[in-house]
PDB file of all heavy atoms in Angstrom:
ATOM      1  N   LEU A   1       0.822  -1.211   0.000  1.00  0.00           N
ATOM      2  CA  LEU A   1       0.000   0.000   0.000  1.00  0.00           C
ATOM      3  C   LEU A   1       0.860   1.266   0.000  1.00  0.00           C
ATOM      4  O   LEU A   1       0.402   2.328  -0.413  1.00  0.00           O
ATOM      5  CB  LEU A   1      -0.933  -0.005   1.212  1.00  0.00           C
ATOM      6  CG  LEU A   1      -2.008  -1.106   1.210  1.00  0.00           C
ATOM      7  CD1 LEU A   1      -2.778  -1.095   2.527  1.00  0.00           C
ATOM      8  CD2 LEU A   1      -2.957  -0.958   0.029  1.00  0.00           C
ATOM      9  N   ALA A   2       2.105   1.125   0.459  1.00  0.00           N
ATOM     10  CA  ALA A   2       3.037   2.262   0.439  1.00  0.00           C
ATOM     11  C   ALA A   2       3.768   2.378  -0.891  1.00  0.00           C
ATOM     12  O   ALA A   2       4.590   3.290  -1.061  1.00  0.00           O
ATOM     13  CB  ALA A   2       4.040   2.128   1.584  1.00  0.00           C
ATOM     14  N   GLY A   3       3.497   1.449  -1.818  1.00  0.00           N
ATOM     15  CA  GLY A   3       4.066   1.559  -3.151  1.00  0.00           C
ATOM     16  C   GLY A   3       5.164   0.577  -3.486  1.00  0.00           C
ATOM     17  O   GLY A   3       5.744   0.652  -4.577  1.00  0.00           O
ATOM     18  N   GLU A   4       5.455  -0.375  -2.592  1.00  0.00           N
ATOM     19  CA  GLU A   4       6.513  -1.334  -2.884  1.00  0.00           C
ATOM     20  C   GLU A   4       6.033  -2.400  -3.873  1.00  0.00           C
ATOM     21  O   GLU A   4       4.832  -2.624  -4.053  1.00  0.00           O
ATOM     22  CB  GLU A   4       7.007  -1.981  -1.588  1.00  0.00           C
ATOM     23  CG  GLU A   4       7.721  -1.006  -0.672  1.00  0.00           C
ATOM     24  CD  GLU A   4       8.536  -1.711   0.404  1.00  0.00           C
ATOM     25  OE1 GLU A   4       8.742  -2.942   0.293  1.00  0.00           O
ATOM     26  OE2 GLU A   4       8.962  -1.025   1.350  1.00  0.00           O
ATOM     27  N   ASN A   5       6.987  -3.084  -4.485  1.00  0.00           N
ATOM     28  CA  ASN A   5       6.687  -4.150  -5.445  1.00  0.00           C
ATOM     29  C   ASN A   5       5.834  -5.228  -4.779  1.00  0.00           C
ATOM     30  O   ASN A   5       6.191  -5.727  -3.713  1.00  0.00           O
ATOM     31  CB  ASN A   5       7.998  -4.754  -5.954  1.00  0.00           C
ATOM     32  CG  ASN A   5       7.784  -5.687  -7.134  1.00  0.00           C
ATOM     33  OD1 ASN A   5       6.895  -6.533  -7.127  1.00  0.00           O
ATOM     34  ND2 ASN A   5       8.613  -5.535  -8.148  1.00  0.00           N
ATOM     35  N   PRO A   6       4.696  -5.619  -5.386  1.00  0.00           N
ATOM     36  CA  PRO A   6       3.783  -6.556  -4.731  1.00  0.00           C
ATOM     37  C   PRO A   6       4.128  -8.023  -4.894  1.00  0.00           C
ATOM     38  O   PRO A   6       3.387  -8.880  -4.397  1.00  0.00           O
ATOM     39  CB  PRO A   6       2.446  -6.249  -5.424  1.00  0.00           C
ATOM     40  CG  PRO A   6       2.839  -5.839  -6.807  1.00  0.00           C
ATOM     41  CD  PRO A   6       4.126  -5.070  -6.633  1.00  0.00           C
ATOM     42  N   ILE A   7       5.230  -8.371  -5.546  1.00  0.00           N
ATOM     43  CA  ILE A   7       5.463  -9.764  -5.896  1.00  0.00           C
ATOM     44  C   ILE A   7       5.551 -10.670  -4.669  1.00  0.00           C
ATOM     45  O   ILE A   7       5.001 -11.772  -4.657  1.00  0.00           O
ATOM     46  CB  ILE A   7       6.728  -9.901  -6.785  1.00  0.00           C
ATOM     47  CG1 ILE A   7       6.837 -11.343  -7.293  1.00  0.00           C
ATOM     48  CG2 ILE A   7       7.984  -9.471  -6.037  1.00  0.00           C
ATOM     49  CD1 ILE A   7       7.858 -11.506  -8.395  1.00  0.00           C
ATOM     50  N   THR A   8       6.221 -10.226  -3.605  1.00  0.00           N
ATOM     51  CA  THR A   8       6.323 -11.053  -2.395  1.00  0.00           C
ATOM     52  C   THR A   8       4.971 -11.222  -1.728  1.00  0.00           C
ATOM     53  O   THR A   8       4.604 -12.316  -1.288  1.00  0.00           O
ATOM     54  CB  THR A   8       7.330 -10.437  -1.408  1.00  0.00           C
ATOM     55  OG1 THR A   8       8.604 -10.315  -2.047  1.00  0.00           O
ATOM     56  CG2 THR A   8       7.484 -11.303  -0.170  1.00  0.00           C
ATOM     57  N   PHE A   9       4.206 -10.157  -1.674  1.00  0.00           N
ATOM     58  CA  PHE A   9       2.851 -10.197  -1.116  1.00  0.00           C
ATOM     59  C   PHE A   9       1.974 -11.172  -1.902  1.00  0.00           C
ATOM     60  O   PHE A   9       1.297 -12.030  -1.325  1.00  0.00           O
ATOM     61  CB  PHE A   9       2.273  -8.786  -1.136  1.00  0.00           C
ATOM     62  CG  PHE A   9       0.817  -8.684  -0.785  1.00  0.00           C
ATOM     63  CD1 PHE A   9       0.355  -9.009   0.474  1.00  0.00           C
ATOM     64  CD2 PHE A   9      -0.100  -8.218  -1.729  1.00  0.00           C
ATOM     65  CE1 PHE A   9      -0.994  -8.891   0.801  1.00  0.00           C
ATOM     66  CE2 PHE A   9      -1.443  -8.090  -1.413  1.00  0.00           C
ATOM     67  CZ  PHE A   9      -1.890  -8.442  -0.145  1.00  0.00           C
ATOM     68  N   LEU A  10       2.011 -11.086  -3.217  1.00  0.00           N
ATOM     69  CA  LEU A  10       1.184 -11.964  -4.044  1.00  0.00           C
ATOM     70  C   LEU A  10       1.628 -13.413  -3.935  1.00  0.00           C
ATOM     71  O   LEU A  10       0.804 -14.334  -3.879  1.00  0.00           O
ATOM     72  CB  LEU A  10       1.236 -11.499  -5.500  1.00  0.00           C
ATOM     73  CG  LEU A  10       0.635 -10.119  -5.781  1.00  0.00           C
ATOM     74  CD1 LEU A  10       0.917  -9.693  -7.215  1.00  0.00           C
ATOM     75  CD2 LEU A  10      -0.866 -10.118  -5.495  1.00  0.00           C
ATOM     76  N   PHE A  11       2.917 -13.648  -3.877  1.00  0.00           N
ATOM     77  CA  PHE A  11       3.459 -15.010  -3.770  1.00  0.00           C
ATOM     78  C   PHE A  11       3.042 -15.665  -2.467  1.00  0.00           C
ATOM     79  O   PHE A  11       2.911 -16.895  -2.388  1.00  0.00           O
ATOM     80  CB  PHE A  11       4.984 -14.960  -3.867  1.00  0.00           C
ATOM     81  CG  PHE A  11       5.643 -16.310  -3.779  1.00  0.00           C
ATOM     82  CD1 PHE A  11       5.649 -17.171  -4.856  1.00  0.00           C
ATOM     83  CD2 PHE A  11       6.256 -16.709  -2.593  1.00  0.00           C
ATOM     84  CE1 PHE A  11       6.248 -18.428  -4.765  1.00  0.00           C
ATOM     85  CE2 PHE A  11       6.861 -17.962  -2.501  1.00  0.00           C
ATOM     86  CZ  PHE A  11       6.858 -18.813  -3.592  1.00  0.00           C
ATOM     87  N   ASN A  12       2.791 -14.870  -1.429  1.00  0.00           N
ATOM     88  CA  ASN A  12       2.438 -15.400  -0.114  1.00  0.00           C
ATOM     89  C   ASN A  12       0.945 -15.318   0.186  1.00  0.00           C
ATOM     90  O   ASN A  12       0.543 -15.230   1.347  1.00  0.00           O
ATOM     91  CB  ASN A  12       3.233 -14.658   0.966  1.00  0.00           C
ATOM     92  CG  ASN A  12       4.682 -15.093   1.009  1.00  0.00           C
ATOM     93  OD1 ASN A  12       5.015 -16.130   1.569  1.00  0.00           O
ATOM     94  ND2 ASN A  12       5.562 -14.296   0.403  1.00  0.00           N
ATOM     95  N   GLY A  13       0.129 -15.361  -0.847  1.00  0.00           N
ATOM     96  CA  GLY A  13      -1.319 -15.424  -0.645  1.00  0.00           C
ATOM     97  C   GLY A  13      -2.029 -14.103  -0.690  1.00  0.00           C
ATOM     98  O   GLY A  13      -3.230 -14.035  -0.410  1.00  0.00           O
ATOM     99  N   GLY A  14      -1.322 -13.043  -1.059  1.00  0.00           N
ATOM    100  CA  GLY A  14      -1.953 -11.736  -1.123  1.00  0.00           C
ATOM    101  C   GLY A  14      -3.038 -11.637  -2.179  1.00  0.00           C
ATOM    102  O   GLY A  14      -3.942 -10.795  -2.076  1.00  0.00           O
ATOM    103  N   ASP A  15      -2.970 -12.500  -3.212  1.00  0.00           N
ATOM    104  CA  ASP A  15      -4.013 -12.494  -4.231  1.00  0.00           C
ATOM    105  C   ASP A  15      -5.380 -12.806  -3.627  1.00  0.00           C
ATOM    106  O   ASP A  15      -6.407 -12.263  -4.051  1.00  0.00           O
ATOM    107  CB  ASP A  15      -3.682 -13.486  -5.349  1.00  0.00           C
ATOM    108  CG  ASP A  15      -3.498 -14.905  -4.840  1.00  0.00           C
ATOM    109  OD1 ASP A  15      -2.959 -15.095  -3.726  1.00  0.00           O
ATOM    110  OD2 ASP A  15      -3.887 -15.846  -5.569  1.00  0.00           O
ATOM    111  N   LYS A  16      -5.399 -13.683  -2.608  1.00  0.00           N
ATOM    112  CA  LYS A  16      -6.665 -14.004  -1.945  1.00  0.00           C
ATOM    113  C   LYS A  16      -7.185 -12.801  -1.151  1.00  0.00           C
ATOM    114  O   LYS A  16      -8.396 -12.568  -1.059  1.00  0.00           O
ATOM    115  CB  LYS A  16      -6.477 -15.198  -1.015  1.00  0.00           C
ATOM    116  CG  LYS A  16      -6.073 -16.479  -1.722  1.00  0.00           C
ATOM    117  CD  LYS A  16      -7.223 -17.027  -2.551  1.00  0.00           C
ATOM    118  CE  LYS A  16      -6.869 -18.345  -3.212  1.00  0.00           C
ATOM    119  NZ  LYS A  16      -6.626 -19.415  -2.242  1.00  0.00           N
ATOM    120  N   THR A  17      -6.276 -12.030  -0.585  1.00  0.00           N
ATOM    121  CA  THR A  17      -6.686 -10.829   0.139  1.00  0.00           C
ATOM    122  C   THR A  17      -7.287  -9.805  -0.817  1.00  0.00           C
ATOM    123  O   THR A  17      -8.351  -9.231  -0.550  1.00  0.00           O
ATOM    124  CB  THR A  17      -5.480 -10.224   0.889  1.00  0.00           C
ATOM    125  OG1 THR A  17      -5.039 -11.162   1.881  1.00  0.00           O
ATOM    126  CG2 THR A  17      -5.846  -8.921   1.562  1.00  0.00           C
ATOM    127  N   ILE A  18      -6.615  -9.583  -1.936  1.00  0.00           N
ATOM    128  CA  ILE A  18      -7.141  -8.647  -2.930  1.00  0.00           C
ATOM    129  C   ILE A  18      -8.521  -9.090  -3.404  1.00  0.00           C
ATOM    130  O   ILE A  18      -9.456  -8.277  -3.504  1.00  0.00           O
ATOM    131  CB  ILE A  18      -6.165  -8.537  -4.116  1.00  0.00           C
ATOM    132  CG1 ILE A  18      -4.863  -7.863  -3.657  1.00  0.00           C
ATOM    133  CG2 ILE A  18      -6.797  -7.753  -5.264  1.00  0.00           C
ATOM    134  CD1 ILE A  18      -3.768  -7.858  -4.697  1.00  0.00           C
ATOM    135  N   ALA A  19      -8.681 -10.387  -3.673  1.00  0.00           N
ATOM    136  CA  ALA A  19      -9.967 -10.907  -4.136  1.00  0.00           C
ATOM    137  C   ALA A  19     -11.066 -10.685  -3.107  1.00  0.00           C
ATOM    138  O   ALA A  19     -12.217 -10.395  -3.452  1.00  0.00           O
ATOM    139  CB  ALA A  19      -9.842 -12.386  -4.471  1.00  0.00           C
ATOM    140  N   SER A  20     -10.726 -10.803  -1.829  1.00  0.00           N
ATOM    141  CA  SER A  20     -11.742 -10.629  -0.789  1.00  0.00           C
ATOM    142  C   SER A  20     -12.239  -9.188  -0.739  1.00  0.00           C
ATOM    143  O   SER A  20     -13.410  -8.938  -0.438  1.00  0.00           O
ATOM    144  CB  SER A  20     -11.192 -11.057   0.578  1.00  0.00           C
ATOM    145  OG  SER A  20     -10.290 -10.109   1.121  1.00  0.00           O
ATOM    146  N   TYR A  21     -11.351  -8.231  -1.024  1.00  0.00           N
ATOM    147  CA  TYR A  21     -11.775  -6.828  -1.059  1.00  0.00           C
ATOM    148  C   TYR A  21     -12.528  -6.512  -2.352  1.00  0.00           C
ATOM    149  O   TYR A  21     -13.524  -5.776  -2.335  1.00  0.00           O
ATOM    150  CB  TYR A  21     -10.577  -5.900  -0.897  1.00  0.00           C
ATOM    151  CG  TYR A  21     -10.131  -5.763   0.542  1.00  0.00           C
ATOM    152  CD1 TYR A  21      -9.048  -6.482   1.028  1.00  0.00           C
ATOM    153  CD2 TYR A  21     -10.820  -4.930   1.418  1.00  0.00           C
ATOM    154  CE1 TYR A  21      -8.653  -6.368   2.351  1.00  0.00           C
ATOM    155  CE2 TYR A  21     -10.426  -4.809   2.742  1.00  0.00           C
ATOM    156  CZ  TYR A  21      -9.344  -5.538   3.207  1.00  0.00           C
ATOM    157  OH  TYR A  21      -8.962  -5.432   4.523  1.00  0.00           O
ATOM    158  N   GLU A  22     -12.077  -7.077  -3.456  1.00  0.00           N
ATOM    159  CA  GLU A  22     -12.764  -6.835  -4.722  1.00  0.00           C
ATOM    160  C   GLU A  22     -14.186  -7.392  -4.684  1.00  0.00           C
ATOM    161  O   GLU A  22     -15.101  -6.817  -5.287  1.00  0.00           O
ATOM    162  CB  GLU A  22     -11.969  -7.446  -5.867  1.00  0.00           C
ATOM    163  CG  GLU A  22     -10.671  -6.686  -6.151  1.00  0.00           C
ATOM    164  CD  GLU A  22      -9.878  -7.288  -7.283  1.00  0.00           C
ATOM    165  OE1 GLU A  22     -10.058  -8.485  -7.570  1.00  0.00           O
ATOM    166  OE2 GLU A  22      -9.066  -6.539  -7.886  1.00  0.00           O
ATOM    167  N   ALA A  23     -14.390  -8.496  -3.949  1.00  0.00           N
ATOM    168  CA  ALA A  23     -15.717  -9.097  -3.856  1.00  0.00           C
ATOM    169  C   ALA A  23     -16.698  -8.224  -3.082  1.00  0.00           C
ATOM    170  O   ALA A  23     -17.910  -8.402  -3.195  1.00  0.00           O
ATOM    171  CB  ALA A  23     -15.620 -10.478  -3.201  1.00  0.00           C
ATOM    172  N   ARG A  24     -16.172  -7.269  -2.321  1.00  0.00           N
ATOM    173  CA  ARG A  24     -17.052  -6.430  -1.504  1.00  0.00           C
ATOM    174  C   ARG A  24     -17.001  -4.964  -1.912  1.00  0.00           C
ATOM    175  O   ARG A  24     -17.438  -4.102  -1.161  1.00  0.00           O
ATOM    176  CB  ARG A  24     -16.681  -6.577  -0.029  1.00  0.00           C
ATOM    177  CG  ARG A  24     -15.219  -6.267   0.245  1.00  0.00           C
ATOM    178  CD  ARG A  24     -14.835  -6.593   1.655  1.00  0.00           C
ATOM    179  NE  ARG A  24     -15.429  -5.643   2.569  1.00  0.00           N
ATOM    180  CZ  ARG A  24     -15.559  -5.846   3.884  1.00  0.00           C
ATOM    181  NH1 ARG A  24     -15.168  -6.985   4.413  1.00  0.00           N
ATOM    182  NH2 ARG A  24     -16.083  -4.934   4.656  1.00  0.00           N
ATOM    183  N   GLY A  25     -16.455  -4.689  -3.067  1.00  0.00           N
ATOM    184  CA  GLY A  25     -16.539  -3.316  -3.538  1.00  0.00           C
ATOM    185  C   GLY A  25     -15.284  -2.753  -4.159  1.00  0.00           C
ATOM    186  O   GLY A  25     -15.347  -1.762  -4.876  1.00  0.00           O
ATOM    187  N   GLY A  26     -14.125  -3.342  -3.881  1.00  0.00           N
ATOM    188  CA  GLY A  26     -12.950  -2.851  -4.573  1.00  0.00           C
ATOM    189  C   GLY A  26     -11.689  -2.800  -3.742  1.00  0.00           C
ATOM    190  O   GLY A  26     -11.704  -2.885  -2.522  1.00  0.00           O
ATOM    191  N   TRP A  27     -10.595  -2.684  -4.432  1.00  0.00           N
ATOM    192  CA  TRP A  27      -9.251  -2.589  -3.882  1.00  0.00           C
ATOM    193  C   TRP A  27      -8.751  -1.175  -4.114  1.00  0.00           C
ATOM    194  O   TRP A  27      -9.082  -0.581  -5.142  1.00  0.00           O
ATOM    195  CB  TRP A  27      -8.356  -3.611  -4.592  1.00  0.00           C
ATOM    196  CG  TRP A  27      -6.940  -3.598  -4.163  1.00  0.00           C
ATOM    197  CD1 TRP A  27      -5.886  -2.996  -4.804  1.00  0.00           C
ATOM    198  CD2 TRP A  27      -6.395  -4.224  -3.004  1.00  0.00           C
ATOM    199  NE1 TRP A  27      -4.725  -3.207  -4.112  1.00  0.00           N
ATOM    200  CE2 TRP A  27      -5.006  -3.954  -3.001  1.00  0.00           C
ATOM    201  CE3 TRP A  27      -6.942  -4.963  -1.963  1.00  0.00           C
ATOM    202  CZ2 TRP A  27      -4.170  -4.410  -1.997  1.00  0.00           C
ATOM    203  CZ3 TRP A  27      -6.106  -5.423  -0.963  1.00  0.00           C
ATOM    204  CH2 TRP A  27      -4.740  -5.147  -0.985  1.00  0.00           C
ATOM    205  N   PRO A  28      -8.003  -0.556  -3.213  1.00  0.00           N
ATOM    206  CA  PRO A  28      -7.402  -1.079  -1.987  1.00  0.00           C
ATOM    207  C   PRO A  28      -8.364  -1.117  -0.810  1.00  0.00           C
ATOM    208  O   PRO A  28      -9.515  -0.714  -0.942  1.00  0.00           O
ATOM    209  CB  PRO A  28      -6.265  -0.081  -1.731  1.00  0.00           C
ATOM    210  CG  PRO A  28      -6.794   1.211  -2.283  1.00  0.00           C
ATOM    211  CD  PRO A  28      -7.580   0.832  -3.507  1.00  0.00           C
ATOM    212  N   PRO A  29      -7.890  -1.593   0.352  1.00  0.00           N
ATOM    213  CA  PRO A  29      -8.752  -1.661   1.533  1.00  0.00           C
ATOM    214  C   PRO A  29      -9.262  -0.282   1.932  1.00  0.00           C
ATOM    215  O   PRO A  29      -8.615   0.739   1.669  1.00  0.00           O
ATOM    216  CB  PRO A  29      -7.822  -2.231   2.623  1.00  0.00           C
ATOM    217  CG  PRO A  29      -6.749  -2.948   1.873  1.00  0.00           C
ATOM    218  CD  PRO A  29      -6.552  -2.158   0.610  1.00  0.00           C
ATOM    219  N   PRO A  30     -10.416  -0.236   2.596  1.00  0.00           N
ATOM    220  CA  PRO A  30     -10.966   1.051   3.037  1.00  0.00           C
ATOM    221  C   PRO A  30     -10.100   1.695   4.116  1.00  0.00           C
ATOM    222  O   PRO A  30      -9.267   1.045   4.745  1.00  0.00           O
ATOM    223  CB  PRO A  30     -12.343   0.688   3.572  1.00  0.00           C
ATOM    224  CG  PRO A  30     -12.235  -0.746   3.958  1.00  0.00           C
ATOM    225  CD  PRO A  30     -11.290  -1.363   2.963  1.00  0.00           C
ATOM    226  N   ARG A  31     -10.343   2.982   4.321  1.00  0.00           N
ATOM    227  CA  ARG A  31      -9.517   3.762   5.251  1.00  0.00           C
ATOM    228  C   ARG A  31      -9.508   3.165   6.655  1.00  0.00           C
ATOM    229  O   ARG A  31      -8.474   3.121   7.320  1.00  0.00           O
ATOM    230  CB  ARG A  31     -10.032   5.203   5.290  1.00  0.00           C
ATOM    231  CG  ARG A  31      -9.196   6.136   6.158  1.00  0.00           C
ATOM    232  CD  ARG A  31      -9.724   7.548   6.077  1.00  0.00           C
ATOM    233  NE  ARG A  31      -9.728   8.015   4.687  1.00  0.00           N
ATOM    234  CZ  ARG A  31     -10.259   9.185   4.318  1.00  0.00           C
ATOM    235  NH1 ARG A  31     -10.829   9.984   5.215  1.00  0.00           N
ATOM    236  NH2 ARG A  31     -10.222   9.547   3.054  1.00  0.00           N
ATOM    237  N   GLU A  32     -10.662   2.688   7.129  1.00  0.00           N
ATOM    238  CA  GLU A  32     -10.733   2.128   8.481  1.00  0.00           C
ATOM    239  C   GLU A  32      -9.824   0.920   8.611  1.00  0.00           C
ATOM    240  O   GLU A  32      -9.143   0.739   9.640  1.00  0.00           O
ATOM    241  CB  GLU A  32     -12.178   1.744   8.809  1.00  0.00           C
ATOM    242  CG  GLU A  32     -12.380   1.229  10.226  1.00  0.00           C
ATOM    243  CD  GLU A  32     -13.815   0.834  10.494  1.00  0.00           C
ATOM    244  OE1 GLU A  32     -14.541   0.500   9.539  1.00  0.00           O
ATOM    245  OE2 GLU A  32     -14.207   0.849  11.678  1.00  0.00           O
ATOM    246  N   HIS A  33      -9.765   0.082   7.596  1.00  0.00           N
ATOM    247  CA  HIS A  33      -8.897  -1.085   7.631  1.00  0.00           C
ATOM    248  C   HIS A  33      -7.424  -0.669   7.585  1.00  0.00           C
ATOM    249  O   HIS A  33      -6.582  -1.273   8.259  1.00  0.00           O
ATOM    250  CB  HIS A  33      -9.220  -2.013   6.465  1.00  0.00           C
ATOM    251  CG  HIS A  33     -10.487  -2.789   6.648  1.00  0.00           C
ATOM    252  ND1 HIS A  33     -10.722  -4.016   6.054  1.00  0.00           N
ATOM    253  CD2 HIS A  33     -11.606  -2.528   7.368  1.00  0.00           C
ATOM    254  CE1 HIS A  33     -11.921  -4.459   6.387  1.00  0.00           C
ATOM    255  NE2 HIS A  33     -12.474  -3.564   7.183  1.00  0.00           N
ATOM    256  N   ARG A  34      -7.123   0.337   6.791  1.00  0.00           N
ATOM    257  CA  ARG A  34      -5.736   0.777   6.690  1.00  0.00           C
ATOM    258  C   ARG A  34      -5.261   1.407   7.995  1.00  0.00           C
ATOM    259  O   ARG A  34      -4.114   1.211   8.413  1.00  0.00           O
ATOM    260  CB  ARG A  34      -5.589   1.755   5.518  1.00  0.00           C
ATOM    261  CG  ARG A  34      -5.875   1.093   4.180  1.00  0.00           C
ATOM    262  CD  ARG A  34      -5.727   2.017   3.005  1.00  0.00           C
ATOM    263  NE  ARG A  34      -4.330   2.376   2.775  1.00  0.00           N
ATOM    264  CZ  ARG A  34      -3.895   2.947   1.649  1.00  0.00           C
ATOM    265  NH1 ARG A  34      -4.747   3.229   0.677  1.00  0.00           N
ATOM    266  NH2 ARG A  34      -2.627   3.239   1.502  1.00  0.00           N
ATOM    267  N   ARG A  35      -6.140   2.151   8.662  1.00  0.00           N
ATOM    268  CA  ARG A  35      -5.777   2.700   9.976  1.00  0.00           C
ATOM    269  C   ARG A  35      -5.489   1.577  10.961  1.00  0.00           C
ATOM    270  O   ARG A  35      -4.550   1.665  11.761  1.00  0.00           O
ATOM    271  CB  ARG A  35      -6.890   3.599  10.500  1.00  0.00           C
ATOM    272  CG  ARG A  35      -6.925   4.991   9.898  1.00  0.00           C
ATOM    273  CD  ARG A  35      -7.737   5.953  10.774  1.00  0.00           C
ATOM    274  NE  ARG A  35      -9.100   5.492  10.945  1.00  0.00           N
ATOM    275  CZ  ARG A  35     -10.127   5.909  10.211  1.00  0.00           C
ATOM    276  NH1 ARG A  35      -9.934   6.784   9.245  1.00  0.00           N
ATOM    277  NH2 ARG A  35     -11.344   5.459  10.442  1.00  0.00           N
ATOM    278  N   PHE A  36      -6.322   0.541  10.936  1.00  0.00           N
ATOM    279  CA  PHE A  36      -6.118  -0.598  11.812  1.00  0.00           C
ATOM    280  C   PHE A  36      -4.756  -1.236  11.542  1.00  0.00           C
ATOM    281  O   PHE A  36      -3.975  -1.497  12.471  1.00  0.00           O
ATOM    282  CB  PHE A  36      -7.238  -1.614  11.605  1.00  0.00           C
ATOM    283  CG  PHE A  36      -7.048  -2.914  12.339  1.00  0.00           C
ATOM    284  CD1 PHE A  36      -7.329  -3.011  13.686  1.00  0.00           C
ATOM    285  CD2 PHE A  36      -6.592  -4.041  11.672  1.00  0.00           C
ATOM    286  CE1 PHE A  36      -7.153  -4.207  14.366  1.00  0.00           C
ATOM    287  CE2 PHE A  36      -6.411  -5.243  12.338  1.00  0.00           C
ATOM    288  CZ  PHE A  36      -6.699  -5.322  13.691  1.00  0.00           C
ATOM    289  N   LEU A  37      -4.441  -1.495  10.285  1.00  0.00           N
ATOM    290  CA  LEU A  37      -3.170  -2.128   9.933  1.00  0.00           C
ATOM    291  C   LEU A  37      -1.986  -1.288  10.390  1.00  0.00           C
ATOM    292  O   LEU A  37      -1.012  -1.814  10.939  1.00  0.00           O
ATOM    293  CB  LEU A  37      -3.102  -2.359   8.423  1.00  0.00           C
ATOM    294  CG  LEU A  37      -4.076  -3.383   7.846  1.00  0.00           C
ATOM    295  CD1 LEU A  37      -4.128  -3.273   6.330  1.00  0.00           C
ATOM    296  CD2 LEU A  37      -3.695  -4.795   8.272  1.00  0.00           C
ATOM    297  N   ASP A  38      -2.058   0.016  10.183  1.00  0.00           N
ATOM    298  CA  ASP A  38      -0.948   0.890  10.556  1.00  0.00           C
ATOM    299  C   ASP A  38      -0.754   0.987  12.064  1.00  0.00           C
ATOM    300  O   ASP A  38       0.322   1.358  12.529  1.00  0.00           O
ATOM    301  CB  ASP A  38      -1.178   2.290   9.991  1.00  0.00           C
ATOM    302  CG  ASP A  38      -0.956   2.366   8.491  1.00  0.00           C
ATOM    303  OD1 ASP A  38      -0.295   1.467   7.939  1.00  0.00           O
ATOM    304  OD2 ASP A  38      -1.450   3.331   7.868  1.00  0.00           O
ATOM    305  N   SER A  39      -1.791   0.654  12.839  1.00  0.00           N
ATOM    306  CA  SER A  39      -1.719   0.813  14.291  1.00  0.00           C
ATOM    307  C   SER A  39      -1.096  -0.382  14.995  1.00  0.00           C
ATOM    308  O   SER A  39      -0.856  -0.331  16.204  1.00  0.00           O
ATOM    309  CB  SER A  39      -3.135   1.030  14.855  1.00  0.00           C
ATOM    310  OG  SER A  39      -3.884  -0.181  14.843  1.00  0.00           O
ATOM    311  N   LEU A  40      -0.839  -1.478  14.277  1.00  0.00           N
ATOM    312  CA  LEU A  40      -0.473  -2.737  14.931  1.00  0.00           C
ATOM    313  C   LEU A  40       0.953  -2.712  15.469  1.00  0.00           C
ATOM    314  O   LEU A  40       1.906  -2.513  14.715  1.00  0.00           O
ATOM    315  CB  LEU A  40      -0.612  -3.898  13.932  1.00  0.00           C
ATOM    316  CG  LEU A  40      -1.977  -4.055  13.261  1.00  0.00           C
ATOM    317  CD1 LEU A  40      -1.919  -5.174  12.224  1.00  0.00           C
ATOM    318  CD2 LEU A  40      -3.064  -4.339  14.294  1.00  0.00           C
ATOM    319  N   PRO A  41       1.146  -2.964  16.773  1.00  0.00           N
ATOM    320  CA  PRO A  41       2.496  -3.103  17.324  1.00  0.00           C
ATOM    321  C   PRO A  41       3.045  -4.491  17.018  1.00  0.00           C
ATOM    322  O   PRO A  41       2.299  -5.397  16.619  1.00  0.00           O
ATOM    323  CB  PRO A  41       2.290  -2.920  18.826  1.00  0.00           C
ATOM    324  CG  PRO A  41       0.913  -3.453  19.063  1.00  0.00           C
ATOM    325  CD  PRO A  41       0.111  -3.101  17.826  1.00  0.00           C
ATOM    326  N   ALA A  42       4.330  -4.675  17.193  1.00  0.00           N
ATOM    327  CA  ALA A  42       4.965  -5.962  16.892  1.00  0.00           C
ATOM    328  C   ALA A  42       5.290  -6.773  18.135  1.00  0.00           C
ATOM    329  O   ALA A  42       5.661  -7.944  18.021  1.00  0.00           O
ATOM    330  CB  ALA A  42       6.240  -5.756  16.074  1.00  0.00           C
TER     331      ALA A  42
END
């Protein structure tokens, strides 16, 4: 989402994630989901 090459993401199942968002209205994820992702500690 920050603009990096998606090949590693897609190789590791990211295509299924994209499909799940496209099935409900489109890619990329909505703002609420992106805020959630950015907030996650490690």
